[in-house]
PDB file of N, CA and C in Angstrom:
ATOM      1  N   MET A   1     -22.977 -32.661  34.144  1.00  0.00           N
ATOM      2  CA  MET A   1     -22.405 -32.128  35.095  1.00  0.00           C
ATOM      3  C   MET A   1     -22.964 -32.062  36.270  1.00  0.00           C
ATOM      4  N   ALA A   2     -22.647 -32.116  37.756  1.00  0.00           N
ATOM      5  CA  ALA A   2     -23.616 -31.898  38.604  1.00  0.00           C
ATOM      6  C   ALA A   2     -23.567 -30.705  39.363  1.00  0.00           C
ATOM      7  N   ILE A   3     -24.707 -30.404  39.659  1.00  0.00           N
ATOM      8  CA  ILE A   3     -24.794 -29.376  40.391  1.00  0.00           C
ATOM      9  C   ILE A   3     -25.118 -29.296  41.704  1.00  0.00           C
ATOM     10  N   PHE A   4     -24.075 -28.913  42.748  1.00  0.00           N
ATOM     11  CA  PHE A   4     -24.395 -28.924  44.222  1.00  0.00           C
ATOM     12  C   PHE A   4     -24.958 -27.483  44.827  1.00  0.00           C
ATOM     13  N   GLU A   5     -25.878 -27.632  45.680  1.00  0.00           N
ATOM     14  CA  GLU A   5     -26.947 -26.557  46.557  1.00  0.00           C
ATOM     15  C   GLU A   5     -26.078 -26.878  47.851  1.00  0.00           C
ATOM     16  N   ALA A   6     -25.543 -25.774  48.263  1.00  0.00           N
ATOM     17  CA  ALA A   6     -25.100 -25.269  49.943  1.00  0.00           C
ATOM     18  C   ALA A   6     -26.470 -25.031  50.468  1.00  0.00           C
ATOM     19  N   ARG A   7     -26.410 -25.923  51.940  1.00  0.00           N
ATOM     20  CA  ARG A   7     -27.527 -25.951  52.648  1.00  0.00           C
ATOM     21  C   ARG A   7     -27.272 -24.987  53.688  1.00  0.00           C
ATOM     22  N   SER A   8     -27.928 -23.940  53.952  1.00  0.00           N
ATOM     23  CA  SER A   8     -27.738 -23.087  54.731  1.00  0.00           C
ATOM     24  C   SER A   8     -27.965 -23.509  56.391  1.00  0.00           C
ATOM     25  N   PHE A   9     -28.938 -24.229  56.668  1.00  0.00           N
ATOM     26  CA  PHE A   9     -28.901 -24.870  58.044  1.00  0.00           C
ATOM     27  C   PHE A   9     -28.385 -26.115  58.013  1.00  0.00           C
ATOM     28  N   ARG A  10     -27.976 -26.620  59.309  1.00  0.00           N
ATOM     29  CA  ARG A  10     -27.857 -28.116  59.939  1.00  0.00           C
ATOM     30  C   ARG A  10     -29.124 -28.957  59.762  1.00  0.00           C
ATOM     31  N   ARG A  11     -28.920 -29.985  59.306  1.00  0.00           N
ATOM     32  CA  ARG A  11     -30.183 -31.040  59.553  1.00  0.00           C
ATOM     33  C   ARG A  11     -29.687 -31.938  60.427  1.00  0.00           C
ATOM     34  N   TYR A  12     -31.049 -32.052  61.539  1.00  0.00           N
ATOM     35  CA  TYR A  12     -30.634 -33.090  62.498  1.00  0.00           C
ATOM     36  C   TYR A  12     -31.336 -34.546  62.102  1.00  0.00           C
ATOM     37  N   ALA A  13     -30.856 -35.765  62.178  1.00  0.00           N
ATOM     38  CA  ALA A  13     -31.698 -36.678  61.876  1.00  0.00           C
ATOM     39  C   ALA A  13     -32.498 -37.039  63.189  1.00  0.00           C
ATOM     40  N   LEU A  14     -33.715 -37.609  63.251  1.00  0.00           N
ATOM     41  CA  LEU A  14     -34.394 -37.742  64.038  1.00  0.00           C
ATOM     42  C   LEU A  14     -35.564 -39.086  64.214  1.00  0.00           C
ATOM     43  N   ARG A  15     -36.388 -39.641  65.091  1.00  0.00           N
ATOM     44  CA  ARG A  15     -37.308 -40.905  65.080  1.00  0.00           C
ATOM     45  C   ARG A  15     -38.269 -40.285  65.685  1.00  0.00           C
ATOM     46  N   MET A  16     -38.976 -39.166  65.209  1.00  0.00           N
ATOM     47  CA  MET A  16     -40.114 -38.740  66.188  1.00  0.00           C
ATOM     48  C   MET A  16     -41.079 -38.944  65.493  1.00  0.00           C
ATOM     49  N   PRO A  17     -42.117 -39.562  66.129  1.00  0.00           N
ATOM     50  CA  PRO A  17     -43.652 -40.142  65.545  1.00  0.00           C
ATOM     51  C   PRO A  17     -44.713 -38.470  65.489  1.00  0.00           C
ATOM     52  N   VAL A  18     -45.175 -38.250  64.766  1.00  0.00           N
ATOM     53  CA  VAL A  18     -45.851 -37.146  64.422  1.00  0.00           C
ATOM     54  C   VAL A  18     -47.043 -37.196  64.098  1.00  0.00           C
ATOM     55  N   GLU A  19     -47.960 -36.237  63.693  1.00  0.00           N
ATOM     56  CA  GLU A  19     -49.259 -36.328  62.819  1.00  0.00           C
ATOM     57  C   GLU A  19     -48.949 -35.334  61.633  1.00  0.00           C
ATOM     58  N   LEU A  20     -49.505 -35.339  60.573  1.00  0.00           N
ATOM     59  CA  LEU A  20     -49.674 -34.600  59.687  1.00  0.00           C
ATOM     60  C   LEU A  20     -51.179 -33.766  59.480  1.00  0.00           C
ATOM     61  N   ASP A  21     -51.629 -32.937  59.784  1.00  0.00           N
ATOM     62  CA  ASP A  21     -52.475 -32.056  59.911  1.00  0.00           C
ATOM     63  C   ASP A  21     -52.957 -31.198  58.260  1.00  0.00           C
ATOM     64  N   ARG A  22     -53.961 -31.812  57.644  1.00  0.00           N
ATOM     65  CA  ARG A  22     -53.772 -31.460  56.172  1.00  0.00           C
ATOM     66  C   ARG A  22     -55.142 -30.549  56.180  1.00  0.00           C
ATOM     67  N   GLY A  23     -55.355 -30.023  56.953  1.00  0.00           N
ATOM     68  CA  GLY A  23     -56.613 -28.896  56.653  1.00  0.00           C
ATOM     69  C   GLY A  23     -58.182 -30.104  56.584  1.00  0.00           C
ATOM     70  N   SER A  24     -58.717 -30.144  55.519  1.00  0.00           N
ATOM     71  CA  SER A  24     -60.095 -30.299  55.448  1.00  0.00           C
ATOM     72  C   SER A  24     -59.966 -32.436  55.443  1.00  0.00           C
ATOM     73  N   ARG A  25     -58.839 -32.746  55.055  1.00  0.00           N
ATOM     74  CA  ARG A  25     -58.845 -34.178  54.831  1.00  0.00           C
ATOM     75  C   ARG A  25     -57.863 -34.627  56.278  1.00  0.00           C
ATOM     76  N   ALA A  26     -58.187 -35.902  56.350  1.00  0.00           N
ATOM     77  CA  ALA A  26     -57.838 -36.371  57.343  1.00  0.00           C
ATOM     78  C   ALA A  26     -56.392 -36.584  57.955  1.00  0.00           C
ATOM     79  N   ARG A  27     -56.234 -36.309  59.208  1.00  0.00           N
ATOM     80  CA  ARG A  27     -54.980 -36.376  59.720  1.00  0.00           C
ATOM     81  C   ARG A  27     -54.035 -37.708  59.034  1.00  0.00           C
ATOM     82  N   ALA A  28     -52.808 -37.555  59.022  1.00  0.00           N
ATOM     83  CA  ALA A  28     -51.661 -38.545  58.783  1.00  0.00           C
ATOM     84  C   ALA A  28     -50.892 -38.886  59.959  1.00  0.00           C
ATOM     85  N   ARG A  29     -50.491 -39.724  59.994  1.00  0.00           N
ATOM     86  CA  ARG A  29     -49.256 -40.165  60.853  1.00  0.00           C
ATOM     87  C   ARG A  29     -47.942 -40.547  59.811  1.00  0.00           C
ATOM     88  N   GLY A  30     -47.381 -40.347  60.490  1.00  0.00           N
ATOM     89  CA  GLY A  30     -45.680 -40.267  60.084  1.00  0.00           C
ATOM     90  C   GLY A  30     -44.555 -40.525  60.937  1.00  0.00           C
ATOM     91  N   LEU A  31     -43.344 -40.702  60.870  1.00  0.00           N
ATOM     92  CA  LEU A  31     -41.987 -40.235  61.309  1.00  0.00           C
ATOM     93  C   LEU A  31     -40.910 -39.280  61.085  1.00  0.00           C
ATOM     94  N   LEU A  32     -40.920 -38.154  61.815  1.00  0.00           N
ATOM     95  CA  LEU A  32     -40.208 -37.234  61.531  1.00  0.00           C
ATOM     96  C   LEU A  32     -38.782 -37.873  61.420  1.00  0.00           C
ATOM     97  N   ILE A  33     -38.192 -37.592  60.345  1.00  0.00           N
ATOM     98  CA  ILE A  33     -36.750 -38.105  60.577  1.00  0.00           C
ATOM     99  C   ILE A  33     -35.636 -37.527  60.136  1.00  0.00           C
ATOM    100  N   GLU A  34     -36.177 -36.075  59.715  1.00  0.00           N
ATOM    101  CA  GLU A  34     -35.113 -35.144  59.758  1.00  0.00           C
ATOM    102  C   GLU A  34     -35.798 -33.599  59.900  1.00  0.00           C
ATOM    103  N   LEU A  35     -34.788 -32.872  60.428  1.00  0.00           N
ATOM    104  CA  LEU A  35     -35.371 -31.676  60.708  1.00  0.00           C
ATOM    105  C   LEU A  35     -34.104 -30.515  60.795  1.00  0.00           C
ATOM    106  N   SER A  36     -34.433 -29.138  60.230  1.00  0.00           N
ATOM    107  CA  SER A  36     -33.589 -28.121  60.303  1.00  0.00           C
ATOM    108  C   SER A  36     -34.649 -27.125  60.492  1.00  0.00           C
ATOM    109  N   GLN A  37     -33.731 -25.816  60.557  1.00  0.00           N
ATOM    110  CA  GLN A  37     -34.570 -24.567  60.867  1.00  0.00           C
ATOM    111  C   GLN A  37     -35.257 -24.499  59.624  1.00  0.00           C
ATOM    112  N   ASP A  38     -35.364 -24.628  58.284  1.00  0.00           N
ATOM    113  CA  ASP A  38     -36.187 -24.380  57.558  1.00  0.00           C
ATOM    114  C   ASP A  38     -37.113 -25.633  56.649  1.00  0.00           C
ATOM    115  N   CYS A  39     -36.441 -26.878  56.843  1.00  0.00           N
ATOM    116  CA  CYS A  39     -37.041 -28.375  55.946  1.00  0.00           C
ATOM    117  C   CYS A  39     -37.388 -29.188  57.308  1.00  0.00           C
ATOM    118  N   ALA A  40     -38.103 -29.986  56.856  1.00  0.00           N
ATOM    119  CA  ALA A  40     -38.585 -31.171  57.655  1.00  0.00           C
ATOM    120  C   ALA A  40     -38.666 -32.185  56.427  1.00  0.00           C
ATOM    121  N   ARG A  41     -38.547 -33.650  57.174  1.00  0.00           N
ATOM    122  CA  ARG A  41     -38.340 -34.886  56.250  1.00  0.00           C
ATOM    123  C   ARG A  41     -39.644 -35.877  57.152  1.00  0.00           C
ATOM    124  N   ILE A  42     -40.551 -36.306  56.313  1.00  0.00           N
ATOM    125  CA  ILE A  42     -41.316 -37.357  57.133  1.00  0.00           C
ATOM    126  C   ILE A  42     -41.572 -38.585  56.367  1.00  0.00           C
ATOM    127  N   SER A  43     -41.212 -39.476  57.338  1.00  0.00           N
ATOM    128  CA  SER A  43     -41.340 -40.933  56.563  1.00  0.00           C
ATOM    129  C   SER A  43     -42.527 -42.060  57.056  1.00  0.00           C
ATOM    130  N   GLN A  44     -42.880 -42.936  56.533  1.00  0.00           N
ATOM    131  CA  GLN A  44     -44.127 -43.469  56.506  1.00  0.00           C
ATOM    132  C   GLN A  44     -45.314 -42.981  56.834  1.00  0.00           C
ATOM    133  N   LEU A  45     -45.008 -42.336  55.998  1.00  0.00           N
ATOM    134  CA  LEU A  45     -46.621 -41.697  55.810  1.00  0.00           C
ATOM    135  C   LEU A  45     -47.739 -42.615  55.803  1.00  0.00           C
ATOM    136  N   SER A  46     -48.900 -42.651  56.325  1.00  0.00           N
ATOM    137  CA  SER A  46     -50.061 -43.243  56.291  1.00  0.00           C
ATOM    138  C   SER A  46     -50.820 -43.152  54.938  1.00  0.00           C
ATOM    139  N   ARG A  47     -51.388 -44.025  54.761  1.00  0.00           N
ATOM    140  CA  ARG A  47     -52.116 -43.612  53.143  1.00  0.00           C
ATOM    141  C   ARG A  47     -52.871 -42.407  53.046  1.00  0.00           C
ATOM    142  N   GLY A  48     -52.472 -41.854  51.787  1.00  0.00           N
ATOM    143  CA  GLY A  48     -53.307 -41.008  51.546  1.00  0.00           C
ATOM    144  C   GLY A  48     -52.718 -39.868  49.901  1.00  0.00           C
ATOM    145  N   LYS A  49     -53.122 -38.902  49.943  1.00  0.00           N
ATOM    146  CA  LYS A  49     -52.799 -38.367  48.968  1.00  0.00           C
ATOM    147  C   LYS A  49     -52.169 -37.169  49.084  1.00  0.00           C
ATOM    148  N   TYR A  50     -50.758 -37.321  48.649  1.00  0.00           N
ATOM    149  CA  TYR A  50     -50.227 -35.809  49.071  1.00  0.00           C
ATOM    150  C   TYR A  50     -49.378 -35.519  47.571  1.00  0.00           C
ATOM    151  N   GLU A  51     -49.145 -34.095  47.766  1.00  0.00           N
ATOM    152  CA  GLU A  51     -49.245 -33.317  46.574  1.00  0.00           C
ATOM    153  C   GLU A  51     -48.253 -32.009  46.799  1.00  0.00           C
ATOM    154  N   GLU A  52     -46.629 -31.532  45.562  1.00  0.00           N
ATOM    155  CA  GLU A  52     -46.289 -30.968  45.935  1.00  0.00           C
ATOM    156  C   GLU A  52     -47.368 -29.327  46.182  1.00  0.00           C
ATOM    157  N   GLY A  53     -46.711 -28.600  46.687  1.00  0.00           N
ATOM    158  CA  GLY A  53     -47.807 -27.267  47.244  1.00  0.00           C
ATOM    159  C   GLY A  53     -48.643 -27.458  47.861  1.00  0.00           C
ATOM    160  N   ASP A  54     -48.853 -28.517  48.269  1.00  0.00           N
ATOM    161  CA  ASP A  54     -50.293 -28.744  49.629  1.00  0.00           C
ATOM    162  C   ASP A  54     -49.344 -28.392  50.714  1.00  0.00           C
ATOM    163  N   ARG A  55     -50.252 -27.354  51.821  1.00  0.00           N
ATOM    164  CA  ARG A  55     -50.455 -26.567  52.904  1.00  0.00           C
ATOM    165  C   ARG A  55     -50.301 -27.698  53.774  1.00  0.00           C
ATOM    166  N   VAL A  56     -49.462 -28.063  54.725  1.00  0.00           N
ATOM    167  CA  VAL A  56     -49.820 -28.703  56.081  1.00  0.00           C
ATOM    168  C   VAL A  56     -49.479 -28.354  57.393  1.00  0.00           C
ATOM    169  N   VAL A  57     -49.258 -29.073  58.317  1.00  0.00           N
ATOM    170  CA  VAL A  57     -49.394 -28.471  59.859  1.00  0.00           C
ATOM    171  C   VAL A  57     -48.570 -30.161  60.442  1.00  0.00           C
ATOM    172  N   ILE A  58     -47.307 -29.798  60.811  1.00  0.00           N
ATOM    173  CA  ILE A  58     -46.368 -30.546  61.592  1.00  0.00           C
ATOM    174  C   ILE A  58     -46.923 -30.913  62.901  1.00  0.00           C
ATOM    175  N   LEU A  59     -47.782 -31.864  63.455  1.00  0.00           N
ATOM    176  CA  LEU A  59     -48.045 -31.797  64.895  1.00  0.00           C
ATOM    177  C   LEU A  59     -47.165 -32.463  65.730  1.00  0.00           C
ATOM    178  N   ALA A  60     -46.026 -31.972  66.088  1.00  0.00           N
ATOM    179  CA  ALA A  60     -44.299 -32.419  66.602  1.00  0.00           C
ATOM    180  C   ALA A  60     -44.839 -32.930  68.038  1.00  0.00           C
ATOM    181  N   THR A  61     -45.374 -32.065  68.994  1.00  0.00           N
ATOM    182  CA  THR A  61     -45.682 -32.265  70.297  1.00  0.00           C
ATOM    183  C   THR A  61     -47.286 -31.421  70.315  1.00  0.00           C
ATOM    184  N   PRO A  62     -47.595 -31.177  71.633  1.00  0.00           N
ATOM    185  CA  PRO A  62     -48.913 -30.538  71.740  1.00  0.00           C
ATOM    186  C   PRO A  62     -48.681 -29.024  71.596  1.00  0.00           C
ATOM    187  N   GLU A  63     -47.029 -28.973  72.498  1.00  0.00           N
ATOM    188  CA  GLU A  63     -46.840 -27.214  72.310  1.00  0.00           C
ATOM    189  C   GLU A  63     -46.315 -27.060  70.738  1.00  0.00           C
ATOM    190  N   ARG A  64     -45.736 -27.663  70.214  1.00  0.00           N
ATOM    191  CA  ARG A  64     -45.052 -27.087  68.839  1.00  0.00           C
ATOM    192  C   ARG A  64     -45.793 -27.562  67.763  1.00  0.00           C
ATOM    193  N   GLN A  65     -46.238 -26.974  67.005  1.00  0.00           N
ATOM    194  CA  GLN A  65     -46.912 -27.048  65.963  1.00  0.00           C
ATOM    195  C   GLN A  65     -45.996 -26.409  64.180  1.00  0.00           C
ATOM    196  N   LEU A  66     -45.622 -27.175  63.322  1.00  0.00           N
ATOM    197  CA  LEU A  66     -44.936 -26.226  62.694  1.00  0.00           C
ATOM    198  C   LEU A  66     -45.247 -26.408  60.719  1.00  0.00           C
ATOM    199  N   ALA A  67     -46.000 -25.635  60.608  1.00  0.00           N
ATOM    200  CA  ALA A  67     -46.733 -24.989  59.197  1.00  0.00           C
ATOM    201  C   ALA A  67     -45.541 -24.927  58.191  1.00  0.00           C
ATOM    202  N   GLY A  68     -46.291 -25.595  57.084  1.00  0.00           N
ATOM    203  CA  GLY A  68     -45.021 -25.646  56.077  1.00  0.00           C
ATOM    204  C   GLY A  68     -45.875 -26.082  54.502  1.00  0.00           C
ATOM    205  N   THR A  69     -45.388 -26.131  53.780  1.00  0.00           N
ATOM    206  CA  THR A  69     -45.534 -26.652  52.259  1.00  0.00           C
ATOM    207  C   THR A  69     -44.854 -28.099  51.782  1.00  0.00           C
ATOM    208  N   ILE A  70     -45.249 -28.744  51.610  1.00  0.00           N
ATOM    209  CA  ILE A  70     -44.897 -29.765  50.642  1.00  0.00           C
ATOM    210  C   ILE A  70     -44.162 -29.442  49.590  1.00  0.00           C
ATOM    211  N   ARG A  71     -42.900 -29.966  49.417  1.00  0.00           N
ATOM    212  CA  ARG A  71     -41.712 -29.545  48.413  1.00  0.00           C
ATOM    213  C   ARG A  71     -41.676 -30.961  47.549  1.00  0.00           C
ATOM    214  N   TRP A  72     -41.765 -32.134  47.864  1.00  0.00           N
ATOM    215  CA  TRP A  72     -41.820 -33.249  47.220  1.00  0.00           C
ATOM    216  C   TRP A  72     -42.153 -34.482  48.049  1.00  0.00           C
ATOM    217  N   THR A  73     -42.846 -35.530  47.187  1.00  0.00           N
ATOM    218  CA  THR A  73     -43.291 -36.476  48.077  1.00  0.00           C
ATOM    219  C   THR A  73     -42.893 -37.754  46.917  1.00  0.00           C
ATOM    220  N   GLY A  74     -42.796 -38.987  47.718  1.00  0.00           N
ATOM    221  CA  GLY A  74     -42.201 -40.242  47.118  1.00  0.00           C
ATOM    222  C   GLY A  74     -42.049 -41.471  47.985  1.00  0.00           C
ATOM    223  N   ASN A  75     -42.921 -42.768  47.757  1.00  0.00           N
ATOM    224  CA  ASN A  75     -42.657 -43.947  48.456  1.00  0.00           C
ATOM    225  C   ASN A  75     -42.693 -43.624  50.084  1.00  0.00           C
ATOM    226  N   GLY A  76     -43.838 -42.966  50.111  1.00  0.00           N
ATOM    227  CA  GLY A  76     -44.073 -42.620  51.526  1.00  0.00           C
ATOM    228  C   GLY A  76     -43.247 -41.413  52.782  1.00  0.00           C
ATOM    229  N   VAL A  77     -42.849 -40.637  51.781  1.00  0.00           N
ATOM    230  CA  VAL A  77     -41.068 -39.829  52.753  1.00  0.00           C
ATOM    231  C   VAL A  77     -42.162 -38.485  51.832  1.00  0.00           C
ATOM    232  N   ALA A  78     -42.214 -37.491  52.326  1.00  0.00           N
ATOM    233  CA  ALA A  78     -42.322 -36.247  52.109  1.00  0.00           C
ATOM    234  C   ALA A  78     -41.394 -35.081  52.588  1.00  0.00           C
ATOM    235  N   LYS A  79     -40.989 -34.336  51.896  1.00  0.00           N
ATOM    236  CA  LYS A  79     -40.137 -33.163  52.270  1.00  0.00           C
ATOM    237  C   LYS A  79     -40.591 -31.556  52.450  1.00  0.00           C
ATOM    238  N   ILE A  80     -40.769 -31.611  53.679  1.00  0.00           N
ATOM    239  CA  ILE A  80     -41.492 -29.866  53.703  1.00  0.00           C
ATOM    240  C   ILE A  80     -41.093 -28.810  54.117  1.00  0.00           C
ATOM    241  N   ARG A  81     -41.122 -27.845  53.432  1.00  0.00           N
ATOM    242  CA  ARG A  81     -40.572 -26.296  53.402  1.00  0.00           C
ATOM    243  C   ARG A  81     -41.125 -25.519  54.595  1.00  0.00           C
ATOM    244  N   LEU A  82     -40.592 -25.412  55.951  1.00  0.00           N
ATOM    245  CA  LEU A  82     -41.548 -24.631  56.831  1.00  0.00           C
ATOM    246  C   LEU A  82     -41.978 -23.312  56.332  1.00  0.00           C
ATOM    247  N   ASP A  83     -42.833 -22.442  56.946  1.00  0.00           N
ATOM    248  CA  ASP A  83     -43.159 -21.340  56.632  1.00  0.00           C
ATOM    249  C   ASP A  83     -42.190 -20.185  57.252  1.00  0.00           C
ATOM    250  N   GLN A  84     -42.064 -20.575  58.491  1.00  0.00           N
ATOM    251  CA  GLN A  84     -41.156 -19.699  59.461  1.00  0.00           C
ATOM    252  C   GLN A  84     -39.896 -20.420  60.044  1.00  0.00           C
ATOM    253  N   PRO A  85     -38.485 -20.013  59.488  1.00  0.00           N
ATOM    254  CA  PRO A  85     -37.395 -20.360  59.920  1.00  0.00           C
ATOM    255  C   PRO A  85     -37.991 -21.097  61.609  1.00  0.00           C
ATOM    256  N   LEU A  86     -37.196 -21.912  62.001  1.00  0.00           N
ATOM    257  CA  LEU A  86     -37.483 -22.516  63.460  1.00  0.00           C
ATOM    258  C   LEU A  86     -36.373 -22.134  64.076  1.00  0.00           C
ATOM    259  N   PRO A  87     -36.503 -21.147  65.208  1.00  0.00           N
ATOM    260  CA  PRO A  87     -35.294 -20.834  65.938  1.00  0.00           C
ATOM    261  C   PRO A  87     -34.599 -21.639  66.545  1.00  0.00           C
ATOM    262  N   GLN A  88     -33.095 -21.397  66.681  1.00  0.00           N
ATOM    263  CA  GLN A  88     -32.226 -22.452  66.713  1.00  0.00           C
ATOM    264  C   GLN A  88     -32.642 -22.773  68.462  1.00  0.00           C
ATOM    265  N   ALA A  89     -33.186 -22.502  69.124  1.00  0.00           N
ATOM    266  CA  ALA A  89     -33.589 -23.060  70.480  1.00  0.00           C
ATOM    267  C   ALA A  89     -34.627 -23.729  70.265  1.00  0.00           C
ATOM    268  N   GLU A  90     -35.530 -23.497  69.712  1.00  0.00           N
ATOM    269  CA  GLU A  90     -37.104 -24.564  69.736  1.00  0.00           C
ATOM    270  C   GLU A  90     -36.290 -25.758  68.977  1.00  0.00           C
ATOM    271  N   LEU A  91     -35.477 -25.841  67.769  1.00  0.00           N
ATOM    272  CA  LEU A  91     -35.114 -26.598  67.364  1.00  0.00           C
ATOM    273  C   LEU A  91     -33.972 -27.644  68.175  1.00  0.00           C
ATOM    274  N   GLN A  92     -33.420 -26.855  68.847  1.00  0.00           N
ATOM    275  CA  GLN A  92     -32.396 -27.679  70.113  1.00  0.00           C
ATOM    276  C   GLN A  92     -33.346 -28.608  70.925  1.00  0.00           C
ATOM    277  N   HIS A  93     -34.553 -28.069  71.195  1.00  0.00           N
ATOM    278  CA  HIS A  93     -35.468 -28.449  72.174  1.00  0.00           C
ATOM    279  C   HIS A  93     -35.988 -29.870  71.282  1.00  0.00           C
ATOM    280  N   LEU A  94     -36.589 -29.721  70.184  1.00  0.00           N
ATOM    281  CA  LEU A  94     -36.798 -30.966  69.763  1.00  0.00           C
ATOM    282  C   LEU A  94     -36.014 -31.801  69.482  1.00  0.00           C
ATOM    283  N   VAL A  95     -34.680 -31.473  68.992  1.00  0.00           N
ATOM    284  CA  VAL A  95     -33.857 -32.611  69.301  1.00  0.00           C
ATOM    285  C   VAL A  95     -33.672 -32.980  70.316  1.00  0.00           C
ATOM    286  N   ASP A  96     -33.644 -32.694  71.456  1.00  0.00           N
ATOM    287  CA  ASP A  96     -33.096 -33.088  72.932  1.00  0.00           C
ATOM    288  C   ASP A  96     -34.239 -33.953  72.970  1.00  0.00           C
ATOM    289  N   LEU A  97     -35.387 -33.377  72.779  1.00  0.00           N
ATOM    290  CA  LEU A  97     -36.721 -34.338  73.020  1.00  0.00           C
ATOM    291  C   LEU A  97     -37.058 -35.331  72.964  1.00  0.00           C
ATOM    292  N   ASN A  98     -36.411 -35.392  71.201  1.00  0.00           N
ATOM    293  CA  ASN A  98     -36.189 -36.863  70.821  1.00  0.00           C
ATOM    294  C   ASN A  98     -35.259 -37.859  71.351  1.00  0.00           C
ATOM    295  N   ARG A  99     -34.313 -37.324  71.427  1.00  0.00           N
ATOM    296  CA  ARG A  99     -32.982 -37.895  72.241  1.00  0.00           C
ATOM    297  C   ARG A  99     -33.164 -38.487  73.265  1.00  0.00           C
ATOM    298  N   HIS A 100     -33.615 -37.657  73.868  1.00  0.00           N
ATOM    299  CA  HIS A 100     -34.325 -38.373  75.569  1.00  0.00           C
ATOM    300  C   HIS A 100     -35.283 -39.438  75.491  1.00  0.00           C
ATOM    301  N   ARG A 101     -36.177 -39.507  74.256  1.00  0.00           N
ATOM    302  CA  ARG A 101     -37.526 -40.343  74.239  1.00  0.00           C
ATOM    303  C   ARG A 101     -36.936 -41.735  73.399  1.00  0.00           C
ATOM    304  N   GLN A 102     -35.791 -41.532  72.982  1.00  0.00           N
ATOM    305  CA  GLN A 102     -34.927 -42.483  72.124  1.00  0.00           C
ATOM    306  C   GLN A 102     -34.145 -43.611  73.108  1.00  0.00           C
ATOM    307  N   ALA A 103     -33.779 -42.438  74.727  1.00  0.00           N
ATOM    308  CA  ALA A 103     -32.764 -43.217  75.599  1.00  0.00           C
ATOM    309  C   ALA A 103     -33.536 -43.824  76.451  1.00  0.00           C
ATOM    310  N   GLU A 104     -34.953 -43.547  76.449  1.00  0.00           N
ATOM    311  CA  GLU A 104     -36.188 -44.296  77.622  1.00  0.00           C
ATOM    312  C   GLU A 104     -36.187 -45.973  76.979  1.00  0.00           C
ATOM    313  N   PRO A 105     -35.636 -46.715  78.168  1.00  0.00           N
ATOM    314  CA  PRO A 105     -36.185 -48.235  77.673  1.00  0.00           C
ATOM    315  C   PRO A 105     -37.260 -48.710  77.390  1.00  0.00           C
ATOM    316  N   GLU A 106     -37.196 -49.398  76.227  1.00  0.00           N
ATOM    317  CA  GLU A 106     -38.777 -49.979  75.898  1.00  0.00           C
ATOM    318  C   GLU A 106     -39.526 -50.798  77.046  1.00  0.00           C
ATOM    319  N   LEU A 107     -40.696 -50.857  77.058  1.00  0.00           N
ATOM    320  CA  LEU A 107     -41.707 -51.355  77.985  1.00  0.00           C
ATOM    321  C   LEU A 107     -41.668 -52.934  77.145  1.00  0.00           C
ATOM    322  N   ARG A 108     -41.333 -53.891  77.316  1.00  0.00           N
ATOM    323  CA  ARG A 108     -41.415 -55.407  76.649  1.00  0.00           C
ATOM    324  C   ARG A 108     -42.130 -56.828  77.629  1.00  0.00           C
ATOM    325  N   TYR A 109     -43.246 -56.978  77.110  1.00  0.00           N
ATOM    326  CA  TYR A 109     -43.599 -58.133  77.124  1.00  0.00           C
ATOM    327  C   TYR A 109     -43.163 -59.041  78.018  1.00  0.00           C
ATOM    328  N   GLY A 110     -42.767 -59.562  78.920  1.00  0.00           N
ATOM    329  CA  GLY A 110     -42.342 -60.760  79.506  1.00  0.00           C
ATOM    330  C   GLY A 110     -41.069 -60.558  79.639  1.00  0.00           C
ATOM    331  N   THR A 111     -40.578 -59.251  79.984  1.00  0.00           N
ATOM    332  CA  THR A 111     -39.145 -59.270  80.512  1.00  0.00           C
ATOM    333  C   THR A 111     -39.157 -58.290  82.150  1.00  0.00           C
TER     334      THR A 111
END
C-alpha cells in the first residue's frame, strides 16, 4: 500500500550554483535544483561526507543565507529542511534571480 504525503509548499525547479557551509569542515560546492519555503535540494555536491542531521548553511547569494538540517543524502544529492520558512517574497526573489541568470547568453570562445 502506498502512502502519500501532501506537500504544504510549492516547489520550484532551479539551477543555481551555491556553496554549502558545514561549520568546521570545508565549504562544499553544489547546484541548488529545488527550493520551496521549507526545503531545498542540492545536487552535484563536491566530495565530502554528508550525513542526516548535519547542520548546514546554504550560501545562495551574498545577501541570502539559508540555514537548515540535512534530511537525507545519496548520489551527490542532499535534501535540506530549512530552519525558518522562507517568506514568499524572498522565495520569489531567488526564483526570479535564477531565471534572470539562466536567460543571460553564455559567453563562448570563438563566437
